[in-house]
């Protein structure tokens, strides 16, 4: 679905990623780790077309990223759900309306039954009318997950989705992502949390990749 071949990217005048080869296959569960500043967030942005590579090739669902028009890229990105590290919401809208924003942005009617079912799935149906400032960190992360998957994407990219919550909530979020993966959605999670990776490995087949020295490598068995 998503393929990077010999991709390099710079951050300002500094080379950040060099010669990256990556394939996110249908139904795969991937972890991406590495030190802060290594380029994890940048790599995820390359995977959903928010950034364009300096060199190499990126294909999204068989289409060359650089050949896509603005409208075609927007259509392609609807097949990818993204959970950002700092999940931002419109504070004047209810949780329900924030989660439904991807539908609103495409001019499509929001399926109320599906929306209610989705909020129930992440355990937030009782918070549907709440405003974002009243939500806890864990509730915001689950709302971000709901918003990321409301369009039934084929792949979900999550940037440190458990970075600001306690371990109990981290496990709950991980369980939701594993459940999503078992339904056929490919998942890639960027995280510093090796305990989270080990927990996932006991429940689902995973691949762990590490960014080190500007390159993408298979992580060792110590994980």
C-alpha atoms as a PDB file:
ATOM      1  CA  UNK A   1       0.000   0.000   0.000  1.00  0.00           C
ATOM      2  CA  UNK A   2       2.737   2.435   0.983  1.00  0.00           C
ATOM      3  CA  UNK A   3       6.245   2.020  -0.399  1.00  0.00           C
ATOM      4  CA  UNK A   4       9.378   4.095   0.065  1.00  0.00           C
ATOM      5  CA  UNK A   5      12.432   3.255  -2.038  1.00  0.00           C
ATOM      6  CA  UNK A   6      15.837   4.815  -1.325  1.00  0.00           C
ATOM      7  CA  UNK A   7      14.140   7.885   0.150  1.00  0.00           C
ATOM      8  CA  UNK A   8      16.146  10.754   1.612  1.00  0.00           C
ATOM      9  CA  UNK A   9      14.903  13.883   3.330  1.00  0.00           C
ATOM     10  CA  UNK A  10      16.558  16.969   4.792  1.00  0.00           C
ATOM     11  CA  UNK A  11      15.576  19.133   7.739  1.00  0.00           C
ATOM     12  CA  UNK A  12      16.852  22.601   6.970  1.00  0.00           C
ATOM     13  CA  UNK A  13      20.478  22.147   6.006  1.00  0.00           C
ATOM     14  CA  UNK A  14      20.791  18.861   7.903  1.00  0.00           C
ATOM     15  CA  UNK A  15      20.283  15.442   6.366  1.00  0.00           C
ATOM     16  CA  UNK A  16      17.678  13.646   8.480  1.00  0.00           C
ATOM     17  CA  UNK A  17      16.839  10.445   6.592  1.00  0.00           C
ATOM     18  CA  UNK A  18      19.010   8.722   4.013  1.00  0.00           C
ATOM     19  CA  UNK A  19      18.323   5.731   1.767  1.00  0.00           C
ATOM     20  CA  UNK A  20      15.130   4.652   3.508  1.00  0.00           C
ATOM     21  CA  UNK A  21      13.382   1.558   2.148  1.00  0.00           C
ATOM     22  CA  UNK A  22       9.996   0.745   3.654  1.00  0.00           C
ATOM     23  CA  UNK A  23       6.874  -1.152   2.672  1.00  0.00           C
ATOM     24  CA  UNK A  24       3.677  -1.033   4.712  1.00  0.00           C
ATOM     25  CA  UNK A  25       1.779  -4.074   3.530  1.00  0.00           C
ATOM     26  CA  UNK A  26      -1.984  -4.652   3.864  1.00  0.00           C
ATOM     27  CA  UNK A  27      -2.862  -5.880   7.348  1.00  0.00           C
ATOM     28  CA  UNK A  28       0.659  -5.447   8.753  1.00  0.00           C
ATOM     29  CA  UNK A  29       1.374  -4.187  12.272  1.00  0.00           C
ATOM     30  CA  UNK A  30       4.541  -2.088  12.492  1.00  0.00           C
ATOM     31  CA  UNK A  31       6.354  -0.207  15.218  1.00  0.00           C
ATOM     32  CA  UNK A  32       8.781   2.601  14.524  1.00  0.00           C
ATOM     33  CA  UNK A  33      11.248   3.562  17.225  1.00  0.00           C
ATOM     34  CA  UNK A  34      14.415   5.580  17.663  1.00  0.00           C
ATOM     35  CA  UNK A  35      15.744   8.497  19.729  1.00  0.00           C
ATOM     36  CA  UNK A  36      14.074  11.887  19.837  1.00  0.00           C
ATOM     37  CA  UNK A  37      14.907  13.905  16.751  1.00  0.00           C
ATOM     38  CA  UNK A  38      15.809  10.828  14.719  1.00  0.00           C
ATOM     39  CA  UNK A  39      13.036  11.456  12.200  1.00  0.00           C
ATOM     40  CA  UNK A  40      10.111   9.257  13.260  1.00  0.00           C
ATOM     41  CA  UNK A  41       7.490  11.970  12.774  1.00  0.00           C
ATOM     42  CA  UNK A  42       9.113  13.004   9.493  1.00  0.00           C
ATOM     43  CA  UNK A  43       8.982   9.436   8.200  1.00  0.00           C
ATOM     44  CA  UNK A  44       5.288   9.180   9.036  1.00  0.00           C
ATOM     45  CA  UNK A  45       4.640  12.473   7.217  1.00  0.00           C
ATOM     46  CA  UNK A  46       6.415  11.092   4.150  1.00  0.00           C
ATOM     47  CA  UNK A  47       4.182   8.005   4.378  1.00  0.00           C
ATOM     48  CA  UNK A  48       0.972  10.042   4.102  1.00  0.00           C
ATOM     49  CA  UNK A  49       2.195  12.670   1.697  1.00  0.00           C
ATOM     50  CA  UNK A  50       2.444  15.604   4.092  1.00  0.00           C
ATOM     51  CA  UNK A  51       6.102  15.937   3.075  1.00  0.00           C
ATOM     52  CA  UNK A  52       7.825  15.293  -0.248  1.00  0.00           C
ATOM     53  CA  UNK A  53      11.136  13.483  -0.319  1.00  0.00           C
ATOM     54  CA  UNK A  54      14.401  15.084  -1.463  1.00  0.00           C
ATOM     55  CA  UNK A  55      15.274  11.954  -3.434  1.00  0.00           C
ATOM     56  CA  UNK A  56      14.008   8.419  -3.963  1.00  0.00           C
ATOM     57  CA  UNK A  57      10.509   7.187  -4.695  1.00  0.00           C
ATOM     58  CA  UNK A  58       7.323   7.131  -2.638  1.00  0.00           C
ATOM     59  CA  UNK A  59       4.238   5.246  -3.795  1.00  0.00           C
ATOM     60  CA  UNK A  60       0.866   5.561  -2.089  1.00  0.00           C
ATOM     61  CA  UNK A  61      -1.449   2.765  -3.178  1.00  0.00           C
ATOM     62  CA  UNK A  62       0.519   2.258  -6.392  1.00  0.00           C
ATOM     63  CA  UNK A  63       0.659   5.966  -7.311  1.00  0.00           C
ATOM     64  CA  UNK A  64       3.841   8.022  -7.387  1.00  0.00           C
ATOM     65  CA  UNK A  65       3.569  10.743  -4.740  1.00  0.00           C
ATOM     66  CA  UNK A  66       5.167  13.426  -6.891  1.00  0.00           C
ATOM     67  CA  UNK A  67       2.796  12.769  -9.779  1.00  0.00           C
ATOM     68  CA  UNK A  68      -0.369  13.275  -7.741  1.00  0.00           C
ATOM     69  CA  UNK A  69      -2.361  16.456  -8.178  1.00  0.00           C
ATOM     70  CA  UNK A  70      -3.585  18.261  -5.076  1.00  0.00           C
ATOM     71  CA  UNK A  71      -7.062  16.738  -5.424  1.00  0.00           C
ATOM     72  CA  UNK A  72      -5.697  13.269  -6.142  1.00  0.00           C
ATOM     73  CA  UNK A  73      -3.454  13.463  -3.078  1.00  0.00           C
ATOM     74  CA  UNK A  74      -6.423  14.516  -0.941  1.00  0.00           C
ATOM     75  CA  UNK A  75      -8.398  11.511  -2.222  1.00  0.00           C
ATOM     76  CA  UNK A  76      -5.481   9.185  -1.546  1.00  0.00           C
ATOM     77  CA  UNK A  77      -4.941  10.503   1.966  1.00  0.00           C
ATOM     78  CA  UNK A  78      -8.532   9.628   2.863  1.00  0.00           C
ATOM     79  CA  UNK A  79      -7.361   6.020   2.733  1.00  0.00           C
ATOM     80  CA  UNK A  80      -4.854   6.766   5.516  1.00  0.00           C
ATOM     81  CA  UNK A  81      -5.857   7.551   9.099  1.00  0.00           C
ATOM     82  CA  UNK A  82      -3.391   9.683  11.061  1.00  0.00           C
ATOM     83  CA  UNK A  83      -3.131  10.138  14.820  1.00  0.00           C
ATOM     84  CA  UNK A  84      -0.870  13.107  15.491  1.00  0.00           C
ATOM     85  CA  UNK A  85       1.431  13.382  18.492  1.00  0.00           C
ATOM     86  CA  UNK A  86      -0.390  16.497  19.688  1.00  0.00           C
ATOM     87  CA  UNK A  87      -4.025  15.727  18.949  1.00  0.00           C
ATOM     88  CA  UNK A  88      -5.697  19.038  18.248  1.00  0.00           C
ATOM     89  CA  UNK A  89      -9.420  19.711  18.282  1.00  0.00           C
ATOM     90  CA  UNK A  90     -11.718  22.649  17.632  1.00  0.00           C
ATOM     91  CA  UNK A  91     -12.598  23.671  21.166  1.00  0.00           C
ATOM     92  CA  UNK A  92     -15.948  25.236  20.225  1.00  0.00           C
ATOM     93  CA  UNK A  93     -17.215  21.973  18.699  1.00  0.00           C
ATOM     94  CA  UNK A  94     -18.482  18.973  20.614  1.00  0.00           C
ATOM     95  CA  UNK A  95     -16.526  15.735  20.653  1.00  0.00           C
ATOM     96  CA  UNK A  96     -19.067  14.255  18.230  1.00  0.00           C
ATOM     97  CA  UNK A  97     -18.573  17.090  15.763  1.00  0.00           C
ATOM     98  CA  UNK A  98     -14.779  16.954  16.056  1.00  0.00           C
ATOM     99  CA  UNK A  99     -14.721  13.248  15.295  1.00  0.00           C
ATOM    100  CA  UNK A 100     -17.024  13.809  12.311  1.00  0.00           C
ATOM    101  CA  UNK A 101     -14.813  16.522  10.764  1.00  0.00           C
ATOM    102  CA  UNK A 102     -13.314  14.242   8.077  1.00  0.00           C
ATOM    103  CA  UNK A 103     -16.835  13.720   6.695  1.00  0.00           C
ATOM    104  CA  UNK A 104     -17.627  17.430   6.896  1.00  0.00           C
ATOM    105  CA  UNK A 105     -14.385  18.282   5.071  1.00  0.00           C
ATOM    106  CA  UNK A 106     -15.427  16.096   2.137  1.00  0.00           C
ATOM    107  CA  UNK A 107     -18.964  17.474   2.006  1.00  0.00           C
ATOM    108  CA  UNK A 108     -20.477  14.135   2.892  1.00  0.00           C
ATOM    109  CA  UNK A 109     -23.347  13.489   5.292  1.00  0.00           C
ATOM    110  CA  UNK A 110     -22.284  12.084   8.638  1.00  0.00           C
ATOM    111  CA  UNK A 111     -23.802   8.624   9.266  1.00  0.00           C
ATOM    112  CA  UNK A 112     -25.185   9.099  12.783  1.00  0.00           C
ATOM    113  CA  UNK A 113     -25.494   5.393  13.570  1.00  0.00           C
ATOM    114  CA  UNK A 114     -21.908   4.727  12.497  1.00  0.00           C
ATOM    115  CA  UNK A 115     -20.676   7.717  14.481  1.00  0.00           C
ATOM    116  CA  UNK A 116     -22.457   6.539  17.621  1.00  0.00           C
ATOM    117  CA  UNK A 117     -21.055   3.031  17.161  1.00  0.00           C
ATOM    118  CA  UNK A 118     -17.548   4.404  16.694  1.00  0.00           C
ATOM    119  CA  UNK A 119     -17.734   6.546  19.825  1.00  0.00           C
ATOM    120  CA  UNK A 120     -18.981   3.526  21.754  1.00  0.00           C
ATOM    121  CA  UNK A 121     -16.066   1.473  20.402  1.00  0.00           C
ATOM    122  CA  UNK A 122     -13.545   3.916  21.891  1.00  0.00           C
ATOM    123  CA  UNK A 123     -15.611   4.236  25.066  1.00  0.00           C
ATOM    124  CA  UNK A 124     -16.689   7.839  24.536  1.00  0.00           C
ATOM    125  CA  UNK A 125     -20.367   7.611  23.604  1.00  0.00           C
ATOM    126  CA  UNK A 126     -21.232   9.205  26.972  1.00  0.00           C
ATOM    127  CA  UNK A 127     -18.962  12.154  26.108  1.00  0.00           C
ATOM    128  CA  UNK A 128     -20.421  12.870  22.664  1.00  0.00           C
ATOM    129  CA  UNK A 129     -21.638  16.356  23.651  1.00  0.00           C
ATOM    130  CA  UNK A 130     -18.566  17.306  25.687  1.00  0.00           C
ATOM    131  CA  UNK A 131     -16.210  20.060  24.553  1.00  0.00           C
ATOM    132  CA  UNK A 132     -12.513  19.184  24.078  1.00  0.00           C
ATOM    133  CA  UNK A 133     -11.193  21.318  26.993  1.00  0.00           C
ATOM    134  CA  UNK A 134     -13.198  19.156  29.404  1.00  0.00           C
ATOM    135  CA  UNK A 135     -11.630  15.888  28.219  1.00  0.00           C
ATOM    136  CA  UNK A 136      -8.784  14.055  29.934  1.00  0.00           C
ATOM    137  CA  UNK A 137      -5.609  13.162  28.089  1.00  0.00           C
ATOM    138  CA  UNK A 138      -6.754   9.591  27.567  1.00  0.00           C
ATOM    139  CA  UNK A 139     -10.153  10.707  26.296  1.00  0.00           C
ATOM    140  CA  UNK A 140      -8.496  13.058  23.806  1.00  0.00           C
ATOM    141  CA  UNK A 141      -6.283  10.269  22.504  1.00  0.00           C
ATOM    142  CA  UNK A 142      -9.255   7.932  22.063  1.00  0.00           C
ATOM    143  CA  UNK A 143     -11.156  10.721  20.311  1.00  0.00           C
ATOM    144  CA  UNK A 144      -8.160  11.210  18.007  1.00  0.00           C
ATOM    145  CA  UNK A 145      -8.241   7.497  17.209  1.00  0.00           C
ATOM    146  CA  UNK A 146     -11.965   7.672  16.427  1.00  0.00           C
ATOM    147  CA  UNK A 147     -11.435  10.645  14.118  1.00  0.00           C
ATOM    148  CA  UNK A 148      -8.560   8.851  12.374  1.00  0.00           C
ATOM    149  CA  UNK A 149     -10.641   5.771  11.548  1.00  0.00           C
ATOM    150  CA  UNK A 150     -14.066   7.293  10.841  1.00  0.00           C
ATOM    151  CA  UNK A 151     -13.460   7.105   7.078  1.00  0.00           C
ATOM    152  CA  UNK A 152     -12.528   3.380   7.352  1.00  0.00           C
ATOM    153  CA  UNK A 153      -8.899   3.838   6.252  1.00  0.00           C
ATOM    154  CA  UNK A 154      -6.775   0.985   4.987  1.00  0.00           C
ATOM    155  CA  UNK A 155      -3.825   2.030   7.112  1.00  0.00           C
ATOM    156  CA  UNK A 156      -3.461   3.968  10.373  1.00  0.00           C
ATOM    157  CA  UNK A 157      -0.277   5.899  11.201  1.00  0.00           C
ATOM    158  CA  UNK A 158       0.032   6.871  14.865  1.00  0.00           C
ATOM    159  CA  UNK A 159       2.694   9.259  16.158  1.00  0.00           C
ATOM    160  CA  UNK A 160       3.372   8.600  19.854  1.00  0.00           C
ATOM    161  CA  UNK A 161      -0.324   7.902  20.576  1.00  0.00           C
ATOM    162  CA  UNK A 162       0.409   6.850  24.171  1.00  0.00           C
ATOM    163  CA  UNK A 163       3.059   9.450  24.963  1.00  0.00           C
ATOM    164  CA  UNK A 164       0.884  11.573  27.268  1.00  0.00           C
ATOM    165  CA  UNK A 165      -1.204   8.939  29.054  1.00  0.00           C
ATOM    166  CA  UNK A 166      -0.614   6.464  31.871  1.00  0.00           C
ATOM    167  CA  UNK A 167       0.140   2.787  31.351  1.00  0.00           C
ATOM    168  CA  UNK A 168      -3.461   1.636  31.845  1.00  0.00           C
ATOM    169  CA  UNK A 169      -4.673   3.995  29.120  1.00  0.00           C
ATOM    170  CA  UNK A 170      -1.713   3.033  26.916  1.00  0.00           C
ATOM    171  CA  UNK A 171      -2.857  -0.584  27.078  1.00  0.00           C
ATOM    172  CA  UNK A 172      -6.422   0.410  26.272  1.00  0.00           C
ATOM    173  CA  UNK A 173      -5.324   2.371  23.206  1.00  0.00           C
ATOM    174  CA  UNK A 174      -3.069  -0.477  22.129  1.00  0.00           C
ATOM    175  CA  UNK A 175      -5.962  -2.935  22.452  1.00  0.00           C
ATOM    176  CA  UNK A 176      -8.097  -0.763  20.167  1.00  0.00           C
ATOM    177  CA  UNK A 177      -5.313  -0.591  17.571  1.00  0.00           C
ATOM    178  CA  UNK A 178      -4.765  -4.349  17.743  1.00  0.00           C
ATOM    179  CA  UNK A 179      -8.505  -4.917  17.308  1.00  0.00           C
ATOM    180  CA  UNK A 180      -8.455  -2.603  14.302  1.00  0.00           C
ATOM    181  CA  UNK A 181      -5.514  -4.513  12.853  1.00  0.00           C
ATOM    182  CA  UNK A 182      -7.289  -7.848  13.302  1.00  0.00           C
ATOM    183  CA  UNK A 183     -10.114  -6.436  11.186  1.00  0.00           C
ATOM    184  CA  UNK A 184      -7.603  -5.931   8.365  1.00  0.00           C
ATOM    185  CA  UNK A 185      -6.273  -2.404   8.864  1.00  0.00           C
ATOM    186  CA  UNK A 186      -2.515  -1.931   8.580  1.00  0.00           C
ATOM    187  CA  UNK A 187      -1.002  -0.075  11.546  1.00  0.00           C
ATOM    188  CA  UNK A 188       2.268   1.756  12.114  1.00  0.00           C
ATOM    189  CA  UNK A 189       2.978   3.225  15.556  1.00  0.00           C
ATOM    190  CA  UNK A 190       5.904   5.541  16.237  1.00  0.00           C
ATOM    191  CA  UNK A 191       6.825   5.225  19.906  1.00  0.00           C
ATOM    192  CA  UNK A 192       9.606   5.463  22.486  1.00  0.00           C
ATOM    193  CA  UNK A 193       7.790   2.962  24.718  1.00  0.00           C
ATOM    194  CA  UNK A 194       9.570  -0.393  24.477  1.00  0.00           C
ATOM    195  CA  UNK A 195       7.188  -1.847  27.075  1.00  0.00           C
ATOM    196  CA  UNK A 196       4.296  -1.086  24.730  1.00  0.00           C
ATOM    197  CA  UNK A 197       6.085  -2.872  21.889  1.00  0.00           C
ATOM    198  CA  UNK A 198       6.764  -5.938  24.037  1.00  0.00           C
ATOM    199  CA  UNK A 199       3.118  -6.030  25.146  1.00  0.00           C
ATOM    200  CA  UNK A 200       1.916  -5.893  21.548  1.00  0.00           C
ATOM    201  CA  UNK A 201       4.280  -8.674  20.501  1.00  0.00           C
ATOM    202  CA  UNK A 202       2.544 -11.022  22.932  1.00  0.00           C
ATOM    203  CA  UNK A 203      -0.797 -10.393  21.230  1.00  0.00           C
ATOM    204  CA  UNK A 204      -0.181  -9.840  17.520  1.00  0.00           C
ATOM    205  CA  UNK A 205       2.490 -10.420  14.894  1.00  0.00           C
ATOM    206  CA  UNK A 206       4.531  -7.236  14.671  1.00  0.00           C
ATOM    207  CA  UNK A 207       7.570  -5.830  12.906  1.00  0.00           C
ATOM    208  CA  UNK A 208       9.723  -3.295  14.719  1.00  0.00           C
ATOM    209  CA  UNK A 209      11.877  -0.809  12.832  1.00  0.00           C
ATOM    210  CA  UNK A 210      14.366   1.663  14.234  1.00  0.00           C
ATOM    211  CA  UNK A 211      15.750   4.898  12.845  1.00  0.00           C
ATOM    212  CA  UNK A 212      19.448   5.159  13.644  1.00  0.00           C
ATOM    213  CA  UNK A 213      22.200   7.138  11.948  1.00  0.00           C
ATOM    214  CA  UNK A 214      19.671   8.547   9.456  1.00  0.00           C
ATOM    215  CA  UNK A 215      18.726   5.074   8.193  1.00  0.00           C
ATOM    216  CA  UNK A 216      15.867   2.667   8.833  1.00  0.00           C
ATOM    217  CA  UNK A 217      16.872  -0.661  10.329  1.00  0.00           C
ATOM    218  CA  UNK A 218      15.200  -3.792  11.652  1.00  0.00           C
ATOM    219  CA  UNK A 219      15.280  -3.613  15.456  1.00  0.00           C
ATOM    220  CA  UNK A 220      17.171  -6.299  17.316  1.00  0.00           C
ATOM    221  CA  UNK A 221      15.804  -9.089  19.458  1.00  0.00           C
ATOM    222  CA  UNK A 222      16.441  -7.074  22.650  1.00  0.00           C
ATOM    223  CA  UNK A 223      13.076  -5.402  22.061  1.00  0.00           C
END
